[in-house]
Each structure stands twice: as structure tokens, then as C-alpha cells.
Full PDB file with SEQRES, HELIX, SHEET, SSBOND, CRYST1, ORIGX, SCALE, CONECT and MASTER records, all heavy atoms in Angstrom:
SEQRES   1 A   36  ILE HIS ARG THR PRO VAL LEU THR SER THR LEU LEU ASN          
SEQRES   2 A   36  GLU LEU SER GLY THR GLN ILE PHE PHE LYS CYS GLU ASN          
SEQRES   3 A   36  PHE GLN ARG MET GLY ALA PHE LYS MET ARG                      
HELIX    1 AA1 THR A   10  SER A   16  1                                   7    
HELIX    2 AA2 GLU A   25  PHE A   27  5                                   3    
HELIX    3 AA3 ARG A   29  GLY A   31  5                                   3    
HELIX    4 AA4 PHE A   33  MET A   35  5                                   3    
SHEET    1 AA1 2 VAL A   6  LEU A   7  0                                        
SHEET    2 AA1 2 PHE A  22  LYS A  23 -1                                        
CRYST1    1.000    1.000    1.000  90.00  90.00  90.00 P 1           1          
ORIGX1      1.000000  0.000000  0.000000        0.00000                         
ORIGX2      0.000000  1.000000  0.000000        0.00000                         
ORIGX3      0.000000  0.000000  1.000000        0.00000                         
SCALE1      1.000000  0.000000  0.000000        0.00000                         
SCALE2      0.000000  1.000000  0.000000        0.00000                         
SCALE3      0.000000  0.000000  1.000000        0.00000                         
ATOM      1  N   ILE A   1      13.711   5.389   8.211  1.00  0.00           N  
ATOM      2  CA  ILE A   1      12.393   5.237   7.584  1.00  0.00           C  
ATOM      3  C   ILE A   1      11.681   4.014   8.153  1.00  0.00           C  
ATOM      4  O   ILE A   1      12.290   3.184   8.833  1.00  0.00           O  
ATOM      5  CB  ILE A   1      12.514   5.064   6.050  1.00  0.00           C  
ATOM      6  CG1 ILE A   1      13.319   3.793   5.711  1.00  0.00           C  
ATOM      7  CG2 ILE A   1      13.124   6.311   5.409  1.00  0.00           C  
ATOM      8  CD1 ILE A   1      13.275   3.381   4.253  1.00  0.00           C  
ATOM      9  N   HIS A   2      10.398   3.920   7.877  1.00  0.00           N  
ATOM     10  CA  HIS A   2       9.645   2.694   8.167  1.00  0.00           C  
ATOM     11  C   HIS A   2       9.666   1.796   6.934  1.00  0.00           C  
ATOM     12  O   HIS A   2       9.585   2.292   5.805  1.00  0.00           O  
ATOM     13  CB  HIS A   2       8.178   3.010   8.483  1.00  0.00           C  
ATOM     14  CG  HIS A   2       7.984   3.804   9.734  1.00  0.00           C  
ATOM     15  ND1 HIS A   2       8.718   3.609  10.875  1.00  0.00           N  
ATOM     16  CD2 HIS A   2       7.097   4.806  10.022  1.00  0.00           C  
ATOM     17  CE1 HIS A   2       8.309   4.451  11.819  1.00  0.00           C  
ATOM     18  NE2 HIS A   2       7.343   5.189  11.326  1.00  0.00           N  
ATOM     19  N   ARG A   3       9.771   0.491   7.166  1.00  0.00           N  
ATOM     20  CA  ARG A   3       9.487  -0.461   6.090  1.00  0.00           C  
ATOM     21  C   ARG A   3       7.972  -0.646   6.097  1.00  0.00           C  
ATOM     22  O   ARG A   3       7.418  -1.368   6.932  1.00  0.00           O  
ATOM     23  CB  ARG A   3      10.196  -1.796   6.295  1.00  0.00           C  
ATOM     24  CG  ARG A   3       9.988  -2.719   5.087  1.00  0.00           C  
ATOM     25  CD  ARG A   3      10.694  -4.049   5.229  1.00  0.00           C  
ATOM     26  NE  ARG A   3      10.400  -4.879   4.076  1.00  0.00           N  
ATOM     27  CZ  ARG A   3      11.289  -5.292   3.184  1.00  0.00           C  
ATOM     28  NH1 ARG A   3      12.569  -4.934   3.313  1.00  0.00           N  
ATOM     29  NH2 ARG A   3      10.938  -6.052   2.163  1.00  0.00           N  
ATOM     30  N   THR A   4       7.300   0.039   5.208  1.00  0.00           N  
ATOM     31  CA  THR A   4       5.844   0.126   5.244  1.00  0.00           C  
ATOM     32  C   THR A   4       5.188  -1.188   4.828  1.00  0.00           C  
ATOM     33  O   THR A   4       5.752  -1.959   4.050  1.00  0.00           O  
ATOM     34  CB  THR A   4       5.352   1.263   4.332  1.00  0.00           C  
ATOM     35  OG1 THR A   4       5.947   1.107   3.033  1.00  0.00           O  
ATOM     36  CG2 THR A   4       5.732   2.613   4.909  1.00  0.00           C  
ATOM     37  N   PRO A   5       3.981  -1.446   5.336  1.00  0.00           N  
ATOM     38  CA  PRO A   5       3.303  -2.703   5.019  1.00  0.00           C  
ATOM     39  C   PRO A   5       2.754  -2.743   3.595  1.00  0.00           C  
ATOM     40  O   PRO A   5       2.593  -1.704   2.948  1.00  0.00           O  
ATOM     41  CB  PRO A   5       2.150  -2.736   6.026  1.00  0.00           C  
ATOM     42  CG  PRO A   5       1.869  -1.299   6.323  1.00  0.00           C  
ATOM     43  CD  PRO A   5       3.206  -0.610   6.266  1.00  0.00           C  
ATOM     44  N   VAL A   6       2.496  -3.954   3.131  1.00  0.00           N  
ATOM     45  CA  VAL A   6       1.808  -4.174   1.858  1.00  0.00           C  
ATOM     46  C   VAL A   6       0.456  -4.781   2.169  1.00  0.00           C  
ATOM     47  O   VAL A   6       0.366  -5.816   2.834  1.00  0.00           O  
ATOM     48  CB  VAL A   6       2.620  -5.116   0.937  1.00  0.00           C  
ATOM     49  CG1 VAL A   6       1.855  -5.374  -0.367  1.00  0.00           C  
ATOM     50  CG2 VAL A   6       3.996  -4.534   0.648  1.00  0.00           C  
ATOM     51  N   LEU A   7      -0.609  -4.127   1.738  1.00  0.00           N  
ATOM     52  CA  LEU A   7      -1.966  -4.590   2.017  1.00  0.00           C  
ATOM     53  C   LEU A   7      -2.657  -5.069   0.747  1.00  0.00           C  
ATOM     54  O   LEU A   7      -2.327  -4.628  -0.358  1.00  0.00           O  
ATOM     55  CB  LEU A   7      -2.791  -3.471   2.657  1.00  0.00           C  
ATOM     56  CG  LEU A   7      -2.303  -2.913   4.000  1.00  0.00           C  
ATOM     57  CD1 LEU A   7      -3.285  -1.871   4.527  1.00  0.00           C  
ATOM     58  CD2 LEU A   7      -2.100  -4.015   5.030  1.00  0.00           C  
ATOM     59  N   THR A   8      -3.617  -5.963   0.932  1.00  0.00           N  
ATOM     60  CA  THR A   8      -4.416  -6.459  -0.193  1.00  0.00           C  
ATOM     61  C   THR A   8      -5.892  -6.373   0.164  1.00  0.00           C  
ATOM     62  O   THR A   8      -6.257  -6.220   1.335  1.00  0.00           O  
ATOM     63  CB  THR A   8      -4.068  -7.924  -0.525  1.00  0.00           C  
ATOM     64  OG1 THR A   8      -4.340  -8.735   0.627  1.00  0.00           O  
ATOM     65  CG2 THR A   8      -2.607  -8.071  -0.910  1.00  0.00           C  
ATOM     66  N   SER A   9      -6.739  -6.473  -0.842  1.00  0.00           N  
ATOM     67  CA  SER A   9      -8.189  -6.442  -0.643  1.00  0.00           C  
ATOM     68  C   SER A   9      -8.844  -7.389  -1.632  1.00  0.00           C  
ATOM     69  O   SER A   9      -8.717  -7.204  -2.845  1.00  0.00           O  
ATOM     70  CB  SER A   9      -8.739  -5.028  -0.850  1.00  0.00           C  
ATOM     71  OG  SER A   9     -10.143  -5.040  -0.998  1.00  0.00           O  
ATOM     72  N   THR A  10      -9.530  -8.384  -1.119  1.00  0.00           N  
ATOM     73  CA  THR A  10     -10.227  -9.336  -1.983  1.00  0.00           C  
ATOM     74  C   THR A  10     -11.247  -8.630  -2.863  1.00  0.00           C  
ATOM     75  O   THR A  10     -11.366  -8.904  -4.066  1.00  0.00           O  
ATOM     76  CB  THR A  10     -10.925 -10.424  -1.132  1.00  0.00           C  
ATOM     77  OG1 THR A  10      -9.932 -11.108  -0.364  1.00  0.00           O  
ATOM     78  CG2 THR A  10     -11.658 -11.417  -2.018  1.00  0.00           C  
ATOM     79  N   LEU A  11     -11.976  -7.686  -2.273  1.00  0.00           N  
ATOM     80  CA  LEU A  11     -13.009  -6.983  -3.033  1.00  0.00           C  
ATOM     81  C   LEU A  11     -12.405  -6.150  -4.164  1.00  0.00           C  
ATOM     82  O   LEU A  11     -12.912  -6.158  -5.300  1.00  0.00           O  
ATOM     83  CB  LEU A  11     -13.833  -6.086  -2.114  1.00  0.00           C  
ATOM     84  CG  LEU A  11     -15.039  -5.422  -2.794  1.00  0.00           C  
ATOM     85  CD1 LEU A  11     -16.264  -5.445  -1.910  1.00  0.00           C  
ATOM     86  CD2 LEU A  11     -14.713  -3.981  -3.193  1.00  0.00           C  
ATOM     87  N   LEU A  12     -11.301  -5.438  -3.882  1.00  0.00           N  
ATOM     88  CA  LEU A  12     -10.681  -4.619  -4.924  1.00  0.00           C  
ATOM     89  C   LEU A  12     -10.026  -5.486  -5.994  1.00  0.00           C  
ATOM     90  O   LEU A  12      -9.974  -5.100  -7.167  1.00  0.00           O  
ATOM     91  CB  LEU A  12      -9.672  -3.652  -4.306  1.00  0.00           C  
ATOM     92  CG  LEU A  12     -10.261  -2.619  -3.340  1.00  0.00           C  
ATOM     93  CD1 LEU A  12      -9.205  -1.621  -2.903  1.00  0.00           C  
ATOM     94  CD2 LEU A  12     -11.458  -1.888  -3.947  1.00  0.00           C  
ATOM     95  N   ASN A  13      -9.554  -6.666  -5.608  1.00  0.00           N  
ATOM     96  CA  ASN A  13      -9.052  -7.616  -6.607  1.00  0.00           C  
ATOM     97  C   ASN A  13     -10.169  -8.053  -7.544  1.00  0.00           C  
ATOM     98  O   ASN A  13     -10.011  -8.105  -8.764  1.00  0.00           O  
ATOM     99  CB  ASN A  13      -8.455  -8.848  -5.925  1.00  0.00           C  
ATOM    100  CG  ASN A  13      -7.102  -8.577  -5.287  1.00  0.00           C  
ATOM    101  OD1 ASN A  13      -6.485  -7.552  -5.534  1.00  0.00           O  
ATOM    102  ND2 ASN A  13      -6.644  -9.500  -4.456  1.00  0.00           N  
ATOM    103  N   GLU A  14     -11.327  -8.367  -6.962  1.00  0.00           N  
ATOM    104  CA  GLU A  14     -12.471  -8.791  -7.773  1.00  0.00           C  
ATOM    105  C   GLU A  14     -12.949  -7.659  -8.680  1.00  0.00           C  
ATOM    106  O   GLU A  14     -13.290  -7.873  -9.846  1.00  0.00           O  
ATOM    107  CB  GLU A  14     -13.604  -9.253  -6.855  1.00  0.00           C  
ATOM    108  CG  GLU A  14     -13.299 -10.552  -6.109  1.00  0.00           C  
ATOM    109  CD  GLU A  14     -14.361 -10.899  -5.086  1.00  0.00           C  
ATOM    110  OE1 GLU A  14     -15.270 -10.063  -4.852  1.00  0.00           O  
ATOM    111  OE2 GLU A  14     -14.294 -11.998  -4.498  1.00  0.00           O  
ATOM    112  N   LEU A  15     -12.938  -6.455  -8.144  1.00  0.00           N  
ATOM    113  CA  LEU A  15     -13.405  -5.294  -8.905  1.00  0.00           C  
ATOM    114  C   LEU A  15     -12.497  -5.004 -10.096  1.00  0.00           C  
ATOM    115  O   LEU A  15     -12.969  -4.628 -11.174  1.00  0.00           O  
ATOM    116  CB  LEU A  15     -13.456  -4.074  -7.979  1.00  0.00           C  
ATOM    117  CG  LEU A  15     -14.160  -2.823  -8.475  1.00  0.00           C  
ATOM    118  CD1 LEU A  15     -15.643  -3.095  -8.693  1.00  0.00           C  
ATOM    119  CD2 LEU A  15     -13.978  -1.688  -7.477  1.00  0.00           C  
ATOM    120  N   SER A  16     -11.208  -5.196  -9.907  1.00  0.00           N  
ATOM    121  CA  SER A  16     -10.241  -4.885 -10.969  1.00  0.00           C  
ATOM    122  C   SER A  16      -9.913  -6.079 -11.858  1.00  0.00           C  
ATOM    123  O   SER A  16      -9.363  -5.910 -12.952  1.00  0.00           O  
ATOM    124  CB  SER A  16      -8.941  -4.360 -10.343  1.00  0.00           C  
ATOM    125  OG  SER A  16      -8.324  -5.370  -9.563  1.00  0.00           O  
ATOM    126  N   GLY A  17     -10.229  -7.281 -11.378  1.00  0.00           N  
ATOM    127  CA  GLY A  17      -9.874  -8.475 -12.131  1.00  0.00           C  
ATOM    128  C   GLY A  17      -8.395  -8.794 -12.066  1.00  0.00           C  
ATOM    129  O   GLY A  17      -7.866  -9.560 -12.884  1.00  0.00           O  
ATOM    130  N   THR A  18      -7.710  -8.207 -11.097  1.00  0.00           N  
ATOM    131  CA  THR A  18      -6.270  -8.411 -10.933  1.00  0.00           C  
ATOM    132  C   THR A  18      -5.976  -8.737  -9.478  1.00  0.00           C  
ATOM    133  O   THR A  18      -6.866  -8.698  -8.624  1.00  0.00           O  
ATOM    134  CB  THR A  18      -5.479  -7.137 -11.302  1.00  0.00           C  
ATOM    135  OG1 THR A  18      -5.838  -6.095 -10.383  1.00  0.00           O  
ATOM    136  CG2 THR A  18      -5.788  -6.678 -12.716  1.00  0.00           C  
ATOM    137  N   GLN A  19      -4.717  -9.061  -9.197  1.00  0.00           N  
ATOM    138  CA  GLN A  19      -4.246  -9.165  -7.820  1.00  0.00           C  
ATOM    139  C   GLN A  19      -3.426  -7.919  -7.527  1.00  0.00           C  
ATOM    140  O   GLN A  19      -2.385  -7.691  -8.152  1.00  0.00           O  
ATOM    141  CB  GLN A  19      -3.374 -10.405  -7.624  1.00  0.00           C  
ATOM    142  CG  GLN A  19      -4.134 -11.705  -7.506  1.00  0.00           C  
ATOM    143  CD  GLN A  19      -3.159 -12.850  -7.216  1.00  0.00           C  
ATOM    144  OE1 GLN A  19      -2.559 -13.418  -8.127  1.00  0.00           O  
ATOM    145  NE2 GLN A  19      -2.995 -13.180  -5.949  1.00  0.00           N  
ATOM    146  N   ILE A  20      -3.892  -7.099  -6.579  1.00  0.00           N  
ATOM    147  CA  ILE A  20      -3.224  -5.829  -6.295  1.00  0.00           C  
ATOM    148  C   ILE A  20      -2.512  -5.909  -4.943  1.00  0.00           C  
ATOM    149  O   ILE A  20      -3.081  -6.357  -3.949  1.00  0.00           O  
ATOM    150  CB  ILE A  20      -4.220  -4.656  -6.261  1.00  0.00           C  
ATOM    151  CG1 ILE A  20      -5.099  -4.636  -7.511  1.00  0.00           C  
ATOM    152  CG2 ILE A  20      -3.467  -3.334  -6.133  1.00  0.00           C  
ATOM    153  CD1 ILE A  20      -6.201  -3.598  -7.456  1.00  0.00           C  
ATOM    154  N   PHE A  21      -1.288  -5.405  -4.942  1.00  0.00           N  
ATOM    155  CA  PHE A  21      -0.503  -5.336  -3.713  1.00  0.00           C  
ATOM    156  C   PHE A  21      -0.164  -3.863  -3.468  1.00  0.00           C  
ATOM    157  O   PHE A  21       0.629  -3.268  -4.198  1.00  0.00           O  
ATOM    158  CB  PHE A  21       0.758  -6.196  -3.851  1.00  0.00           C  
ATOM    159  CG  PHE A  21       0.445  -7.647  -4.096  1.00  0.00           C  
ATOM    160  CD1 PHE A  21       0.277  -8.113  -5.404  1.00  0.00           C  
ATOM    161  CD2 PHE A  21       0.262  -8.537  -3.057  1.00  0.00           C  
ATOM    162  CE1 PHE A  21      -0.040  -9.446  -5.649  1.00  0.00           C  
ATOM    163  CE2 PHE A  21      -0.061  -9.865  -3.286  1.00  0.00           C  
ATOM    164  CZ  PHE A  21      -0.212 -10.323  -4.583  1.00  0.00           C  
ATOM    165  N   PHE A  22      -0.815  -3.288  -2.463  1.00  0.00           N  
ATOM    166  CA  PHE A  22      -0.685  -1.864  -2.171  1.00  0.00           C  
ATOM    167  C   PHE A  22       0.484  -1.629  -1.209  1.00  0.00           C  
ATOM    168  O   PHE A  22       0.439  -2.075  -0.062  1.00  0.00           O  
ATOM    169  CB  PHE A  22      -1.968  -1.314  -1.546  1.00  0.00           C  
ATOM    170  CG  PHE A  22      -3.162  -1.302  -2.450  1.00  0.00           C  
ATOM    171  CD1 PHE A  22      -4.091  -2.330  -2.419  1.00  0.00           C  
ATOM    172  CD2 PHE A  22      -3.382  -0.244  -3.325  1.00  0.00           C  
ATOM    173  CE1 PHE A  22      -5.215  -2.316  -3.235  1.00  0.00           C  
ATOM    174  CE2 PHE A  22      -4.501  -0.221  -4.150  1.00  0.00           C  
ATOM    175  CZ  PHE A  22      -5.419  -1.255  -4.106  1.00  0.00           C  
ATOM    176  N   LYS A  23       1.506  -0.928  -1.671  1.00  0.00           N  
ATOM    177  CA  LYS A  23       2.628  -0.548  -0.820  1.00  0.00           C  
ATOM    178  C   LYS A  23       2.255   0.745  -0.105  1.00  0.00           C  
ATOM    179  O   LYS A  23       2.157   1.805  -0.718  1.00  0.00           O  
ATOM    180  CB  LYS A  23       3.891  -0.362  -1.666  1.00  0.00           C  
ATOM    181  CG  LYS A  23       5.127   0.084  -0.889  1.00  0.00           C  
ATOM    182  CD  LYS A  23       5.598  -0.953   0.111  1.00  0.00           C  
ATOM    183  CE  LYS A  23       6.967  -0.571   0.677  1.00  0.00           C  
ATOM    184  NZ  LYS A  23       7.354  -1.422   1.833  1.00  0.00           N  
ATOM    185  N   CYS A  24       2.040   0.657   1.200  1.00  0.00           N  
ATOM    186  CA  CYS A  24       1.359   1.730   1.947  1.00  0.00           C  
ATOM    187  C   CYS A  24       2.316   2.774   2.499  1.00  0.00           C  
ATOM    188  O   CYS A  24       2.623   2.805   3.704  1.00  0.00           O  
ATOM    189  CB  CYS A  24       0.526   1.118   3.056  1.00  0.00           C  
ATOM    190  SG  CYS A  24      -0.844   0.126   2.438  1.00  0.00           S  
ATOM    191  N   GLU A  25       2.756   3.669   1.632  1.00  0.00           N  
ATOM    192  CA  GLU A  25       3.617   4.762   2.066  1.00  0.00           C  
ATOM    193  C   GLU A  25       2.846   5.845   2.826  1.00  0.00           C  
ATOM    194  O   GLU A  25       3.452   6.779   3.355  1.00  0.00           O  
ATOM    195  CB  GLU A  25       4.353   5.363   0.868  1.00  0.00           C  
ATOM    196  CG  GLU A  25       5.451   4.468   0.325  1.00  0.00           C  
ATOM    197  CD  GLU A  25       6.575   4.262   1.333  1.00  0.00           C  
ATOM    198  OE1 GLU A  25       7.331   5.211   1.608  1.00  0.00           O  
ATOM    199  OE2 GLU A  25       6.709   3.128   1.855  1.00  0.00           O  
ATOM    200  N   ASN A  26       1.530   5.705   2.887  1.00  0.00           N  
ATOM    201  CA  ASN A  26       0.749   6.572   3.771  1.00  0.00           C  
ATOM    202  C   ASN A  26       1.065   6.273   5.235  1.00  0.00           C  
ATOM    203  O   ASN A  26       0.765   7.080   6.119  1.00  0.00           O  
ATOM    204  CB  ASN A  26      -0.750   6.428   3.504  1.00  0.00           C  
ATOM    205  CG  ASN A  26      -1.221   4.986   3.510  1.00  0.00           C  
ATOM    206  OD1 ASN A  26      -0.524   4.085   3.026  1.00  0.00           O  
ATOM    207  ND2 ASN A  26      -2.402   4.738   4.043  1.00  0.00           N  
ATOM    208  N   PHE A  27       1.713   5.130   5.498  1.00  0.00           N  
ATOM    209  CA  PHE A  27       2.147   4.782   6.853  1.00  0.00           C  
ATOM    210  C   PHE A  27       3.629   5.108   7.080  1.00  0.00           C  
ATOM    211  O   PHE A  27       4.190   4.749   8.115  1.00  0.00           O  
ATOM    212  CB  PHE A  27       1.915   3.290   7.127  1.00  0.00           C  
ATOM    213  CG  PHE A  27       0.465   2.893   7.165  1.00  0.00           C  
ATOM    214  CD1 PHE A  27       0.057   1.680   6.628  1.00  0.00           C  
ATOM    215  CD2 PHE A  27      -0.494   3.711   7.727  1.00  0.00           C  
ATOM    216  CE1 PHE A  27      -1.278   1.293   6.661  1.00  0.00           C  
ATOM    217  CE2 PHE A  27      -1.836   3.347   7.769  1.00  0.00           C  
ATOM    218  CZ  PHE A  27      -2.226   2.135   7.234  1.00  0.00           C  
ATOM    219  N   GLN A  28       4.257   5.770   6.115  1.00  0.00           N  
ATOM    220  CA  GLN A  28       5.651   6.180   6.262  1.00  0.00           C  
ATOM    221  C   GLN A  28       5.767   7.299   7.296  1.00  0.00           C  
ATOM    222  O   GLN A  28       4.782   7.971   7.607  1.00  0.00           O  
ATOM    223  CB  GLN A  28       6.190   6.653   4.909  1.00  0.00           C  
ATOM    224  CG  GLN A  28       7.673   6.950   4.838  1.00  0.00           C  
ATOM    225  CD  GLN A  28       8.523   5.787   5.312  1.00  0.00           C  
ATOM    226  OE1 GLN A  28       8.973   5.786   6.465  1.00  0.00           O  
ATOM    227  NE2 GLN A  28       8.715   4.792   4.452  1.00  0.00           N  
ATOM    228  N   ARG A  29       6.944   7.505   7.829  1.00  0.00           N  
ATOM    229  CA  ARG A  29       7.168   8.657   8.717  1.00  0.00           C  
ATOM    230  C   ARG A  29       6.775   9.930   7.985  1.00  0.00           C  
ATOM    231  O   ARG A  29       7.047  10.095   6.815  1.00  0.00           O  
ATOM    232  CB  ARG A  29       8.634   8.737   9.142  1.00  0.00           C  
ATOM    233  CG  ARG A  29       9.097   7.601  10.037  1.00  0.00           C  
ATOM    234  CD  ARG A  29      10.528   7.805  10.483  1.00  0.00           C  
ATOM    235  NE  ARG A  29      10.644   8.909  11.425  1.00  0.00           N  
ATOM    236  CZ  ARG A  29      11.794   9.515  11.737  1.00  0.00           C  
ATOM    237  NH1 ARG A  29      12.924   9.137  11.144  1.00  0.00           N  
ATOM    238  NH2 ARG A  29      11.814  10.503  12.611  1.00  0.00           N  
ATOM    239  N   MET A  30       6.106  10.827   8.650  1.00  0.00           N  
ATOM    240  CA  MET A  30       5.494  12.063   8.153  1.00  0.00           C  
ATOM    241  C   MET A  30       4.418  11.825   7.105  1.00  0.00           C  
ATOM    242  O   MET A  30       3.857  12.746   6.555  1.00  0.00           O  
ATOM    243  CB  MET A  30       6.506  13.134   7.688  1.00  0.00           C  
ATOM    244  CG  MET A  30       7.537  12.809   6.653  1.00  0.00           C  
ATOM    245  SD  MET A  30       6.995  12.454   4.959  1.00  0.00           S  
ATOM    246  CE  MET A  30       6.022  13.854   4.508  1.00  0.00           C  
ATOM    247  N   GLY A  31       4.056  10.551   6.885  1.00  0.00           N  
ATOM    248  CA  GLY A  31       2.865  10.248   6.100  1.00  0.00           C  
ATOM    249  C   GLY A  31       3.022  10.154   4.606  1.00  0.00           C  
ATOM    250  O   GLY A  31       2.019  10.148   3.882  1.00  0.00           O  
ATOM    251  N   ALA A  32       4.259  10.071   4.096  1.00  0.00           N  
ATOM    252  CA  ALA A  32       4.429   9.987   2.643  1.00  0.00           C  
ATOM    253  C   ALA A  32       5.802   9.438   2.276  1.00  0.00           C  
ATOM    254  O   ALA A  32       6.751   9.506   3.065  1.00  0.00           O  
ATOM    255  CB  ALA A  32       4.245  11.367   1.995  1.00  0.00           C  
ATOM    256  N   PHE A  33       5.901   8.934   1.042  1.00  0.00           N  
ATOM    257  CA  PHE A  33       7.132   8.335   0.524  1.00  0.00           C  
ATOM    258  C   PHE A  33       8.306   9.298   0.523  1.00  0.00           C  
ATOM    259  O   PHE A  33       9.470   8.887   0.489  1.00  0.00           O  
ATOM    260  CB  PHE A  33       6.894   7.823  -0.905  1.00  0.00           C  
ATOM    261  CG  PHE A  33       6.809   8.922  -1.936  1.00  0.00           C  
ATOM    262  CD1 PHE A  33       7.923   9.315  -2.662  1.00  0.00           C  
ATOM    263  CD2 PHE A  33       5.600   9.576  -2.176  1.00  0.00           C  
ATOM    264  CE1 PHE A  33       7.852  10.335  -3.596  1.00  0.00           C  
ATOM    265  CE2 PHE A  33       5.516  10.592  -3.114  1.00  0.00           C  
ATOM    266  CZ  PHE A  33       6.648  10.979  -3.829  1.00  0.00           C  
ATOM    267  N   LYS A  34       8.046  10.587   0.560  1.00  0.00           N  
ATOM    268  CA  LYS A  34       9.119  11.568   0.379  1.00  0.00           C  
ATOM    269  C   LYS A  34      10.127  11.579   1.518  1.00  0.00           C  
ATOM    270  O   LYS A  34      11.226  12.121   1.382  1.00  0.00           O  
ATOM    271  CB  LYS A  34       8.522  12.961   0.169  1.00  0.00           C  
ATOM    272  CG  LYS A  34       7.784  13.051  -1.162  1.00  0.00           C  
ATOM    273  CD  LYS A  34       7.518  14.459  -1.611  1.00  0.00           C  
ATOM    274  CE  LYS A  34       6.924  14.456  -3.021  1.00  0.00           C  
ATOM    275  NZ  LYS A  34       6.716  15.799  -3.556  1.00  0.00           N  
ATOM    276  N   MET A  35       9.782  10.943   2.626  1.00  0.00           N  
ATOM    277  CA  MET A  35      10.753  10.788   3.707  1.00  0.00           C  
ATOM    278  C   MET A  35      11.978  10.019   3.223  1.00  0.00           C  
ATOM    279  O   MET A  35      13.108  10.282   3.655  1.00  0.00           O  
ATOM    280  CB  MET A  35      10.090  10.062   4.882  1.00  0.00           C  
ATOM    281  CG  MET A  35      10.974   9.886   6.099  1.00  0.00           C  
ATOM    282  SD  MET A  35      11.346  11.474   6.870  1.00  0.00           S  
ATOM    283  CE  MET A  35      12.589  10.959   8.059  1.00  0.00           C  
ATOM    284  N   ARG A  36      11.766   9.077   2.327  1.00  0.00           N  
ATOM    285  CA  ARG A  36      12.867   8.252   1.811  1.00  0.00           C  
ATOM    286  C   ARG A  36      13.882   9.099   1.045  1.00  0.00           C  
ATOM    287  O   ARG A  36      15.096   9.019   1.280  1.00  0.00           O  
ATOM    288  CB  ARG A  36      12.303   7.162   0.887  1.00  0.00           C  
ATOM    289  CG  ARG A  36      11.407   6.156   1.591  1.00  0.00           C  
ATOM    290  CD  ARG A  36      10.754   5.207   0.584  1.00  0.00           C  
ATOM    291  NE  ARG A  36       9.880   4.239   1.227  1.00  0.00           N  
ATOM    292  CZ  ARG A  36      10.261   3.042   1.676  1.00  0.00           C  
ATOM    293  NH1 ARG A  36      11.522   2.661   1.528  1.00  0.00           N  
ATOM    294  NH2 ARG A  36       9.399   2.224   2.236  1.00  0.00           N  
TER     295      ARG A  36                                                      
MASTER        0    0    0    4    2    0    0    6  294    1    0    3          
END                                                                             
């Protein structure tokens, strides 16, 4: 499997009022977490 990246967005943090850490399984092999 790929160890997928974690991305953040200042704008989405401001919009939600939280700090969000997106675990990007869209970058996993075959494009989804189900590879795991």
C-alpha cells in the first residue's frame, strides 16, 4: 500500500472553525482505502 499524505487547508479550517487533517486515501493504490 501507499502511506498516503495528510493535507490541510487554511480556508477550510476557517470555514469550519476547526483544524482539519485530511487523510488522503484518494491517493491510495487503485484510488481508495479498500486496497488496505
